[in-house]
């Protein structure tokens, strides 16, 4: 895995409490409160794709997954990237999806997938991630 990537643990039943996006700097911050009430921020840099849906007042995480070539099939990666792009047009640009997929598979980009128990669902591709305990 590329420098700046890490395995993410402890996010089951965490609550996504806020999101900060700066499209000019291509950064995003995801703010969580863990089940033990500790605050954690995931800071993404070099954001290529970012899609967040169904954000509500209480957003509970079922799984937060960081791409690992051994954990995801190529079809799962492709579907996640296509979903992240699908709000732009009915059919995402296949060339862009292929380009991002290649970069994810070779470790140049990370792929973060949030599957909710309740509320927000997220897919983001990015060049660097940092986990900060607040």
C-alpha atoms as a PDB file:
ATOM      1  CA  UNK A   1       0.000   0.000   0.000  1.00  0.00           C
ATOM      2  CA  UNK A   2       1.310   3.477  -0.870  1.00  0.00           C
ATOM      3  CA  UNK A   3       2.777   5.756   1.838  1.00  0.00           C
ATOM      4  CA  UNK A   4       0.067   7.479   3.853  1.00  0.00           C
ATOM      5  CA  UNK A   5      -2.354   4.554   3.573  1.00  0.00           C
ATOM      6  CA  UNK A   6      -3.325   2.618   6.630  1.00  0.00           C
ATOM      7  CA  UNK A   7      -5.676  -0.122   7.717  1.00  0.00           C
ATOM      8  CA  UNK A   8      -8.785   1.355   9.321  1.00  0.00           C
ATOM      9  CA  UNK A   9     -10.181  -0.289  12.433  1.00  0.00           C
ATOM     10  CA  UNK A  10     -12.647   0.816  15.083  1.00  0.00           C
ATOM     11  CA  UNK A  11     -15.226   2.418  12.797  1.00  0.00           C
ATOM     12  CA  UNK A  12     -18.058  -0.115  13.207  1.00  0.00           C
ATOM     13  CA  UNK A  13     -20.926   1.736  14.943  1.00  0.00           C
ATOM     14  CA  UNK A  14     -19.025   5.035  14.727  1.00  0.00           C
ATOM     15  CA  UNK A  15     -21.080   8.079  13.799  1.00  0.00           C
ATOM     16  CA  UNK A  16     -20.133  10.310  10.857  1.00  0.00           C
ATOM     17  CA  UNK A  17     -20.821  13.739  12.361  1.00  0.00           C
ATOM     18  CA  UNK A  18     -19.452  16.101   9.736  1.00  0.00           C
ATOM     19  CA  UNK A  19     -17.783  16.537   6.372  1.00  0.00           C
ATOM     20  CA  UNK A  20     -15.577  19.365   5.116  1.00  0.00           C
ATOM     21  CA  UNK A  21     -14.745  19.542   1.409  1.00  0.00           C
ATOM     22  CA  UNK A  22     -12.426  21.964  -0.379  1.00  0.00           C
ATOM     23  CA  UNK A  23     -12.759  21.304  -4.096  1.00  0.00           C
ATOM     24  CA  UNK A  24     -10.019  23.803  -5.034  1.00  0.00           C
ATOM     25  CA  UNK A  25      -7.418  22.083  -2.831  1.00  0.00           C
ATOM     26  CA  UNK A  26      -8.941  18.646  -3.597  1.00  0.00           C
ATOM     27  CA  UNK A  27      -9.193  17.804   0.119  1.00  0.00           C
ATOM     28  CA  UNK A  28     -11.915  16.376   2.317  1.00  0.00           C
ATOM     29  CA  UNK A  29     -12.220  15.724   6.032  1.00  0.00           C
ATOM     30  CA  UNK A  30     -14.598  13.183   7.535  1.00  0.00           C
ATOM     31  CA  UNK A  31     -15.379  13.672  11.225  1.00  0.00           C
ATOM     32  CA  UNK A  32     -16.390  10.671  13.324  1.00  0.00           C
ATOM     33  CA  UNK A  33     -17.371   9.945  16.902  1.00  0.00           C
ATOM     34  CA  UNK A  34     -16.475   6.366  17.798  1.00  0.00           C
ATOM     35  CA  UNK A  35     -18.645   4.146  19.980  1.00  0.00           C
ATOM     36  CA  UNK A  36     -16.285   4.925  22.929  1.00  0.00           C
ATOM     37  CA  UNK A  37     -17.072   8.668  22.315  1.00  0.00           C
ATOM     38  CA  UNK A  38     -13.549   9.535  21.068  1.00  0.00           C
ATOM     39  CA  UNK A  39     -13.354  11.903  18.107  1.00  0.00           C
ATOM     40  CA  UNK A  40     -11.452  10.923  14.947  1.00  0.00           C
ATOM     41  CA  UNK A  41     -10.933  12.785  11.665  1.00  0.00           C
ATOM     42  CA  UNK A  42      -9.967  11.193   8.364  1.00  0.00           C
ATOM     43  CA  UNK A  43      -8.218  13.769   6.166  1.00  0.00           C
ATOM     44  CA  UNK A  44      -8.096  12.974   2.441  1.00  0.00           C
ATOM     45  CA  UNK A  45      -5.751  14.741   0.031  1.00  0.00           C
ATOM     46  CA  UNK A  46      -5.614  14.600  -3.752  1.00  0.00           C
ATOM     47  CA  UNK A  47      -9.296  13.728  -3.974  1.00  0.00           C
ATOM     48  CA  UNK A  48     -10.222  12.503  -7.461  1.00  0.00           C
ATOM     49  CA  UNK A  49     -13.783  11.315  -6.857  1.00  0.00           C
ATOM     50  CA  UNK A  50     -16.048  11.901  -3.882  1.00  0.00           C
ATOM     51  CA  UNK A  51     -19.675  10.922  -3.523  1.00  0.00           C
ATOM     52  CA  UNK A  52     -21.652  11.074  -0.306  1.00  0.00           C
ATOM     53  CA  UNK A  53     -25.375  10.339  -0.260  1.00  0.00           C
ATOM     54  CA  UNK A  54     -28.118  10.222   2.332  1.00  0.00           C
ATOM     55  CA  UNK A  55     -26.376  12.362   4.958  1.00  0.00           C
ATOM     56  CA  UNK A  56     -28.857  12.746   7.820  1.00  0.00           C
ATOM     57  CA  UNK A  57     -28.578  13.999  11.427  1.00  0.00           C
ATOM     58  CA  UNK A  58     -27.377  10.559  12.620  1.00  0.00           C
ATOM     59  CA  UNK A  59     -25.088   8.554  10.287  1.00  0.00           C
ATOM     60  CA  UNK A  60     -23.929   5.215  11.679  1.00  0.00           C
ATOM     61  CA  UNK A  61     -21.111   3.236  10.061  1.00  0.00           C
ATOM     62  CA  UNK A  62     -21.481  -0.461   9.400  1.00  0.00           C
ATOM     63  CA  UNK A  63     -18.136  -0.830   7.596  1.00  0.00           C
ATOM     64  CA  UNK A  64     -15.455   1.652   6.589  1.00  0.00           C
ATOM     65  CA  UNK A  65     -13.133   0.005   4.102  1.00  0.00           C
ATOM     66  CA  UNK A  66      -9.872   1.182   2.633  1.00  0.00           C
ATOM     67  CA  UNK A  67      -9.012  -0.568  -0.617  1.00  0.00           C
ATOM     68  CA  UNK A  68      -6.734  -3.531  -0.256  1.00  0.00           C
ATOM     69  CA  UNK A  69      -6.093  -5.507  -3.433  1.00  0.00           C
ATOM     70  CA  UNK A  70      -6.526  -8.751  -1.516  1.00  0.00           C
ATOM     71  CA  UNK A  71      -9.880  -7.706  -0.073  1.00  0.00           C
ATOM     72  CA  UNK A  72     -11.723  -6.336  -3.126  1.00  0.00           C
ATOM     73  CA  UNK A  73     -12.400  -7.882  -6.496  1.00  0.00           C
ATOM     74  CA  UNK A  74     -11.835  -5.828  -9.637  1.00  0.00           C
ATOM     75  CA  UNK A  75     -15.594  -5.780 -10.237  1.00  0.00           C
ATOM     76  CA  UNK A  76     -16.213  -4.375  -6.736  1.00  0.00           C
ATOM     77  CA  UNK A  77     -13.636  -1.622  -7.287  1.00  0.00           C
ATOM     78  CA  UNK A  78     -15.061  -0.776 -10.722  1.00  0.00           C
ATOM     79  CA  UNK A  79     -18.636  -0.653  -9.371  1.00  0.00           C
ATOM     80  CA  UNK A  80     -17.622   1.657  -6.512  1.00  0.00           C
ATOM     81  CA  UNK A  81     -15.762   4.056  -8.817  1.00  0.00           C
ATOM     82  CA  UNK A  82     -18.627   4.060 -11.341  1.00  0.00           C
ATOM     83  CA  UNK A  83     -21.125   4.778  -8.540  1.00  0.00           C
ATOM     84  CA  UNK A  84     -18.972   7.678  -7.320  1.00  0.00           C
ATOM     85  CA  UNK A  85     -19.089   9.180 -10.840  1.00  0.00           C
ATOM     86  CA  UNK A  86     -22.712   8.312 -11.681  1.00  0.00           C
ATOM     87  CA  UNK A  87     -24.235  11.536 -10.363  1.00  0.00           C
ATOM     88  CA  UNK A  88     -22.487  13.520 -13.126  1.00  0.00           C
ATOM     89  CA  UNK A  89     -24.189  11.662 -15.942  1.00  0.00           C
ATOM     90  CA  UNK A  90     -26.412   8.632 -16.309  1.00  0.00           C
ATOM     91  CA  UNK A  91     -23.473   6.584 -17.630  1.00  0.00           C
ATOM     92  CA  UNK A  92     -20.037   7.338 -16.104  1.00  0.00           C
ATOM     93  CA  UNK A  93     -17.138   7.918 -18.500  1.00  0.00           C
ATOM     94  CA  UNK A  94     -15.591   4.454 -18.963  1.00  0.00           C
ATOM     95  CA  UNK A  95     -12.145   5.969 -19.687  1.00  0.00           C
ATOM     96  CA  UNK A  96     -12.160   7.844 -16.358  1.00  0.00           C
ATOM     97  CA  UNK A  97     -13.372   4.768 -14.470  1.00  0.00           C
ATOM     98  CA  UNK A  98     -10.599   2.671 -16.080  1.00  0.00           C
ATOM     99  CA  UNK A  99      -7.963   5.294 -15.254  1.00  0.00           C
ATOM    100  CA  UNK A 100      -9.002   5.579 -11.599  1.00  0.00           C
ATOM    101  CA  UNK A 101      -9.310   1.808 -11.298  1.00  0.00           C
ATOM    102  CA  UNK A 102      -5.775   1.301 -12.590  1.00  0.00           C
ATOM    103  CA  UNK A 103      -4.439   3.892 -10.142  1.00  0.00           C
ATOM    104  CA  UNK A 104      -6.291   2.260  -7.245  1.00  0.00           C
ATOM    105  CA  UNK A 105      -5.029  -1.192  -8.181  1.00  0.00           C
ATOM    106  CA  UNK A 106      -1.398  -0.054  -8.471  1.00  0.00           C
ATOM    107  CA  UNK A 107      -1.529   1.878  -5.178  1.00  0.00           C
ATOM    108  CA  UNK A 108      -1.257   5.409  -6.630  1.00  0.00           C
ATOM    109  CA  UNK A 109      -4.758   6.177  -5.314  1.00  0.00           C
ATOM    110  CA  UNK A 110      -6.692   4.922  -2.333  1.00  0.00           C
ATOM    111  CA  UNK A 111     -10.348   3.983  -2.390  1.00  0.00           C
ATOM    112  CA  UNK A 112     -12.456   4.554   0.721  1.00  0.00           C
ATOM    113  CA  UNK A 113     -15.903   2.972   0.974  1.00  0.00           C
ATOM    114  CA  UNK A 114     -18.325   3.688   3.806  1.00  0.00           C
ATOM    115  CA  UNK A 115     -21.219   1.258   4.071  1.00  0.00           C
ATOM    116  CA  UNK A 116     -23.849   2.563   6.481  1.00  0.00           C
ATOM    117  CA  UNK A 117     -25.962   0.921   9.107  1.00  0.00           C
ATOM    118  CA  UNK A 118     -27.995   4.120   8.947  1.00  0.00           C
ATOM    119  CA  UNK A 119     -27.603   7.282   6.887  1.00  0.00           C
ATOM    120  CA  UNK A 120     -24.650   8.323   4.770  1.00  0.00           C
ATOM    121  CA  UNK A 121     -22.960   6.170   2.140  1.00  0.00           C
ATOM    122  CA  UNK A 122     -19.606   7.259   0.699  1.00  0.00           C
ATOM    123  CA  UNK A 123     -17.038   6.398  -1.946  1.00  0.00           C
ATOM    124  CA  UNK A 124     -13.882   8.481  -2.375  1.00  0.00           C
ATOM    125  CA  UNK A 125     -10.672   8.056  -4.354  1.00  0.00           C
ATOM    126  CA  UNK A 126      -7.643  10.035  -3.188  1.00  0.00           C
ATOM    127  CA  UNK A 127      -3.844  10.099  -3.111  1.00  0.00           C
ATOM    128  CA  UNK A 128      -3.279  10.322   0.651  1.00  0.00           C
ATOM    129  CA  UNK A 129      -5.175   9.653   3.879  1.00  0.00           C
ATOM    130  CA  UNK A 130      -4.374  10.639   7.438  1.00  0.00           C
ATOM    131  CA  UNK A 131      -6.227   9.516  10.550  1.00  0.00           C
ATOM    132  CA  UNK A 132      -6.198  12.092  13.373  1.00  0.00           C
ATOM    133  CA  UNK A 133      -7.330  11.366  16.920  1.00  0.00           C
ATOM    134  CA  UNK A 134      -8.845  14.580  18.276  1.00  0.00           C
END
